[in-house]
Amino acid sequence: MIRSGFLALLLPLPLPALAEDAPGGELNPNEMSLETALSRAREGEVGMVVCAQGYMLTKSGDHAGAREVFEACAEAGYAGAMTWMSQMEDNGLGGPENPEAAAEWSRRAAETGDPVGEFNYGLALIRGRGVARDEAAGRAMVDRAAAQGLKIAERMRASGYDPDAVTPDADEAKYRPNLF
């Protein structure tokens, strides 16, 4: 009697494992993993889901992997990935700091009409970071971003285009002119 009761308790145990293969889908599909996103980006198979995984990769500390995903997505025309590439290049995440490449990614994003790209490229032009300094062109870019409702661009415009108004204190030294 005890044996048959024990056996009755054990019979349902394999059922949850079988449920994963049930019609209607897999319980935890591998298609949403960061590894799969990275693999797809390497194969040039990018889309919104793959590109969004670049954010998860960089937030998990895998900046090199994030760079691969964002670069593939940026080359495919995703403006958000272009702005992420700019941020990674400017801060040396997943590679050496490269202000010129950062400005170029921002310029490309701006050309798509992306307000973040317009703001970032305008800021680079005003500062002369990674690109020749051109305050008039920089202000025009910031104005374009502000016209689209980008709050940080509106704040910079209201400050008289003062880069310090939008620069975190921790980054101030990075943007000072090199005096030596």
Protein backbone atom coordinates (compact mmCIF):
# COMPACT_ATOMS: atom_id res chain seq x y z
CA MET A 1 0.00 0.00 0.00
CA ILE A 2 2.79 2.41 0.93
CA ARG A 3 4.73 1.46 -2.19
CA SER A 4 1.78 2.09 -4.48
CA GLY A 5 1.14 5.45 -2.77
CA PHE A 6 4.81 6.40 -3.20
CA LEU A 7 4.68 5.32 -6.84
CA ALA A 8 1.55 7.43 -7.37
CA LEU A 9 3.45 10.45 -6.03
CA LEU A 10 6.39 9.87 -8.39
CA LEU A 11 4.37 9.47 -11.58
CA PRO A 12 3.51 13.19 -12.03
CA LEU A 13 7.16 14.28 -11.64
CA PRO A 14 8.21 13.83 -15.29
CA LEU A 15 5.12 15.65 -16.57
CA PRO A 16 6.46 19.23 -16.12
CA ALA A 17 9.49 18.32 -18.23
CA LEU A 18 7.17 17.04 -20.95
CA ALA A 19 5.11 20.22 -20.75
CA GLU A 20 8.01 22.21 -22.22
CA ASP A 21 7.56 20.37 -25.50
CA ALA A 22 3.79 20.78 -25.50
CA PRO A 23 2.04 22.34 -28.48
CA GLY A 24 2.00 26.10 -28.21
CA GLY A 25 5.68 26.67 -27.67
CA GLU A 26 8.74 26.12 -25.60
CA LEU A 27 8.71 27.32 -22.00
CA ASN A 28 12.01 29.24 -22.15
CA PRO A 29 12.96 29.64 -25.80
CA ASN A 30 16.62 30.14 -26.57
CA GLU A 31 15.72 32.65 -29.28
CA MET A 32 15.54 35.42 -26.67
CA SER A 33 18.95 34.74 -25.13
CA LEU A 34 21.82 37.21 -25.31
CA GLU A 35 23.94 34.50 -26.94
CA THR A 36 21.40 34.07 -29.70
CA ALA A 37 21.17 37.83 -30.27
CA LEU A 38 24.95 38.04 -30.55
CA SER A 39 25.04 35.10 -32.94
CA ARG A 40 22.31 36.64 -35.11
CA ALA A 41 24.08 40.00 -35.20
CA ARG A 42 27.30 38.27 -36.29
CA GLU A 43 25.36 36.65 -39.13
CA GLY A 44 23.86 40.00 -40.16
CA GLU A 45 20.38 38.95 -39.04
CA VAL A 46 19.31 42.08 -37.17
CA GLY A 47 15.93 43.40 -36.17
CA MET A 48 14.40 45.31 -33.29
CA VAL A 49 14.61 42.37 -30.87
CA VAL A 50 18.26 41.64 -31.65
CA CYS A 51 19.18 45.32 -31.50
CA ALA A 52 17.46 45.76 -28.14
CA GLN A 53 19.60 42.94 -26.76
CA GLY A 54 22.66 45.16 -27.25
CA TYR A 55 21.38 47.21 -24.31
CA MET A 56 21.15 44.11 -22.13
CA LEU A 57 24.66 43.07 -23.17
CA THR A 58 26.22 46.41 -22.24
CA LYS A 59 24.27 46.62 -18.97
CA SER A 60 25.51 43.13 -18.08
CA GLY A 61 29.09 44.31 -18.64
CA ASP A 62 29.65 42.60 -22.00
CA HIS A 63 30.62 45.79 -23.82
CA ALA A 64 32.46 43.93 -26.58
CA GLY A 65 29.35 41.85 -27.31
CA ALA A 66 27.14 44.94 -27.15
CA ARG A 67 29.45 46.69 -29.57
CA GLU A 68 29.09 43.80 -32.05
CA VAL A 69 25.29 43.91 -31.83
CA PHE A 70 25.03 47.70 -32.00
CA GLU A 71 27.48 47.97 -34.89
CA ALA A 72 25.58 45.38 -36.95
CA CYS A 73 22.30 47.14 -36.17
CA ALA A 74 23.74 50.58 -36.89
CA GLU A 75 25.10 49.42 -40.24
CA ALA A 76 21.59 48.14 -41.01
CA GLY A 77 20.24 51.66 -40.41
CA TYR A 78 18.94 51.55 -36.82
CA ALA A 79 19.46 55.10 -35.50
CA GLY A 80 19.18 54.02 -31.86
CA ALA A 81 22.08 51.64 -32.38
CA MET A 82 24.07 54.49 -33.96
CA THR A 83 23.62 56.59 -30.82
CA TRP A 84 24.68 53.62 -28.68
CA MET A 85 27.79 53.16 -30.84
CA SER A 86 28.55 56.86 -30.34
CA GLN A 87 28.22 56.50 -26.58
CA MET A 88 30.42 53.40 -26.53
CA GLU A 89 33.10 55.02 -28.71
CA ASP A 90 33.05 58.23 -26.66
CA ASN A 91 33.45 56.37 -23.38
CA GLY A 92 35.77 53.56 -24.48
CA LEU A 93 33.32 50.75 -23.80
CA GLY A 94 34.33 47.52 -25.54
CA GLY A 95 37.25 49.27 -27.23
CA PRO A 96 39.48 52.31 -26.90
CA GLU A 97 37.95 55.77 -26.47
CA ASN A 98 37.50 57.25 -29.95
CA PRO A 99 35.89 60.73 -30.10
CA GLU A 100 36.16 60.87 -33.90
CA ALA A 101 34.21 57.62 -34.32
CA ALA A 102 31.70 58.81 -31.70
CA ALA A 103 31.08 62.03 -33.63
CA GLU A 104 30.71 60.10 -36.88
CA TRP A 105 28.09 57.77 -35.38
CA SER A 106 26.22 60.79 -34.01
CA ARG A 107 26.36 62.46 -37.42
CA ARG A 108 24.94 59.35 -39.08
CA ALA A 109 22.13 59.15 -36.52
CA ALA A 110 21.41 62.86 -37.02
CA GLU A 111 21.14 62.30 -40.78
CA THR A 112 18.28 59.88 -40.15
CA GLY A 113 16.40 62.63 -38.29
CA ASP A 114 16.91 61.01 -34.89
CA PRO A 115 16.68 63.75 -32.21
CA VAL A 116 19.24 62.08 -29.93
CA GLY A 117 21.67 61.86 -32.83
CA GLU A 118 21.00 65.51 -33.70
CA PHE A 119 21.58 66.60 -30.12
CA ASN A 120 24.74 64.52 -29.68
CA TYR A 121 26.22 65.68 -32.97
CA GLY A 122 25.32 69.28 -32.17
CA LEU A 123 27.04 68.96 -28.80
CA ALA A 124 30.14 67.45 -30.46
CA LEU A 125 30.23 70.36 -32.93
CA ILE A 126 29.86 72.96 -30.16
CA ARG A 127 32.63 71.32 -28.13
CA GLY A 128 34.82 70.42 -31.07
CA ARG A 129 35.10 66.87 -29.72
CA GLY A 130 35.90 64.36 -32.44
CA VAL A 131 35.00 66.87 -35.13
CA ALA A 132 36.07 70.39 -36.10
CA ARG A 133 34.44 72.94 -33.81
CA ASP A 134 31.52 74.72 -35.48
CA GLU A 135 29.26 76.42 -32.95
CA ALA A 136 26.73 77.67 -35.52
CA ALA A 137 26.21 74.21 -37.01
CA GLY A 138 26.13 72.72 -33.51
CA ARG A 139 23.43 75.14 -32.38
CA ALA A 140 21.40 74.35 -35.49
CA MET A 141 21.58 70.63 -34.66
CA VAL A 142 20.55 71.23 -31.05
CA ASP A 143 17.65 73.35 -32.34
CA ARG A 144 16.52 70.51 -34.62
CA ALA A 145 16.52 68.11 -31.67
CA ALA A 146 14.68 70.61 -29.47
CA ALA A 147 12.08 71.14 -32.21
CA GLN A 148 11.33 67.41 -31.95
CA GLY A 149 10.74 67.78 -28.21
CA LEU A 150 14.00 66.35 -26.87
CA LYS A 151 14.06 67.78 -23.34
CA ILE A 152 17.85 67.86 -22.93
CA ALA A 153 18.12 69.83 -26.19
CA GLU A 154 15.47 72.26 -24.96
CA ARG A 155 17.42 72.66 -21.70
CA MET A 156 20.67 73.31 -23.56
CA ARG A 157 19.02 75.86 -25.82
CA ALA A 158 17.49 77.61 -22.77
CA SER A 159 20.97 77.81 -21.21
CA GLY A 160 22.34 79.71 -24.21
CA TYR A 161 23.90 76.52 -25.62
CA ASP A 162 26.17 76.06 -22.60
CA PRO A 163 27.52 72.48 -22.73
CA ASP A 164 28.02 72.53 -18.95
CA ALA A 165 24.24 72.69 -18.53
CA VAL A 166 23.94 69.16 -19.92
CA THR A 167 27.25 67.64 -18.82
CA PRO A 168 27.34 65.47 -15.70
CA ASP A 169 29.95 66.69 -13.22
CA ALA A 170 31.79 63.38 -13.50
CA ASP A 171 32.44 64.03 -17.20
CA GLU A 172 33.61 67.65 -16.99
CA ALA A 173 37.34 66.86 -17.18
CA LYS A 174 36.81 64.79 -20.32
CA TYR A 175 35.54 67.79 -22.25
CA ARG A 176 38.00 70.45 -21.10
CA PRO A 177 40.42 71.64 -23.75
CA ASN A 178 43.75 69.87 -23.56
CA LEU A 179 46.15 72.58 -22.39
CA PHE A 180 49.33 70.52 -22.53
